[in-house]
Amino acid sequence: FRVYGRAGAPCVAPGCGGAVERTVQSARSSFWCPVCQK
């Protein structure tokens, strides 16, 4: 929930440095950090 709606913003995990991405599938959005969530 901490990254919802923050596409393009820096990741909130300490020391990560990645950018939050948004993926849309079946008209539903998912927000995630590609650095933290491999």
C-alpha atoms as a PDB file:
ATOM      1  CA  PHE A   1       0.000   0.000   0.000  1.00  0.00           C
ATOM      2  CA  ARG A   2       2.965   2.315   0.480  1.00  0.00           C
ATOM      3  CA  VAL A   3       3.650   2.569  -3.258  1.00  0.00           C
ATOM      4  CA  TYR A   4       0.071   2.672  -4.592  1.00  0.00           C
ATOM      5  CA  GLY A   5      -0.371   5.591  -6.989  1.00  0.00           C
ATOM      6  CA  ARG A   6       3.349   6.480  -6.928  1.00  0.00           C
ATOM      7  CA  ALA A   7       4.415   5.403 -10.425  1.00  0.00           C
ATOM      8  CA  GLY A   8       7.730   7.036 -11.304  1.00  0.00           C
ATOM      9  CA  ALA A   9       8.435   8.027  -7.709  1.00  0.00           C
ATOM     10  CA  PRO A  10      11.435   6.678  -5.783  1.00  0.00           C
ATOM     11  CA  CYS A  11      10.924   3.400  -3.924  1.00  0.00           C
ATOM     12  CA  VAL A  12      10.133   3.803  -0.225  1.00  0.00           C
ATOM     13  CA  ALA A  13      12.441   0.958   0.892  1.00  0.00           C
ATOM     14  CA  PRO A  14      15.535   2.226   2.721  1.00  0.00           C
ATOM     15  CA  GLY A  15      18.577   2.297   0.438  1.00  0.00           C
ATOM     16  CA  CYS A  16      16.753   0.920  -2.613  1.00  0.00           C
ATOM     17  CA  GLY A  17      16.999   3.753  -5.119  1.00  0.00           C
ATOM     18  CA  GLY A  18      14.639   2.085  -7.591  1.00  0.00           C
ATOM     19  CA  ALA A  19      11.613   3.749  -9.164  1.00  0.00           C
ATOM     20  CA  VAL A  20       8.057   2.521  -8.673  1.00  0.00           C
ATOM     21  CA  GLU A  21       6.502   1.082 -11.843  1.00  0.00           C
ATOM     22  CA  ARG A  22       2.872   0.618 -12.797  1.00  0.00           C
ATOM     23  CA  THR A  23       1.542  -2.438 -14.616  1.00  0.00           C
ATOM     24  CA  VAL A  24      -2.038  -2.618 -15.914  1.00  0.00           C
ATOM     25  CA  GLN A  25      -3.677  -5.990 -16.462  1.00  0.00           C
ATOM     26  CA  SER A  26      -7.387  -6.480 -17.125  1.00  0.00           C
ATOM     27  CA  ALA A  27      -8.077  -2.824 -16.238  1.00  0.00           C
ATOM     28  CA  ARG A  28      -6.428  -3.243 -12.814  1.00  0.00           C
ATOM     29  CA  SER A  29      -3.236  -1.447 -11.794  1.00  0.00           C
ATOM     30  CA  SER A  30      -0.342  -2.905  -9.830  1.00  0.00           C
ATOM     31  CA  PHE A  31       2.466  -0.738  -8.455  1.00  0.00           C
ATOM     32  CA  TRP A  32       5.836  -2.314  -7.679  1.00  0.00           C
ATOM     33  CA  CYS A  33       9.574  -1.720  -7.476  1.00  0.00           C
ATOM     34  CA  PRO A  34      11.603  -3.844  -9.931  1.00  0.00           C
ATOM     35  CA  VAL A  35      14.698  -3.576  -7.711  1.00  0.00           C
ATOM     36  CA  CYS A  36      13.058  -4.828  -4.496  1.00  0.00           C
ATOM     37  CA  GLN A  37      10.625  -7.315  -6.046  1.00  0.00           C
ATOM     38  CA  LYS A  38      12.561  -9.630  -8.332  1.00  0.00           C
END
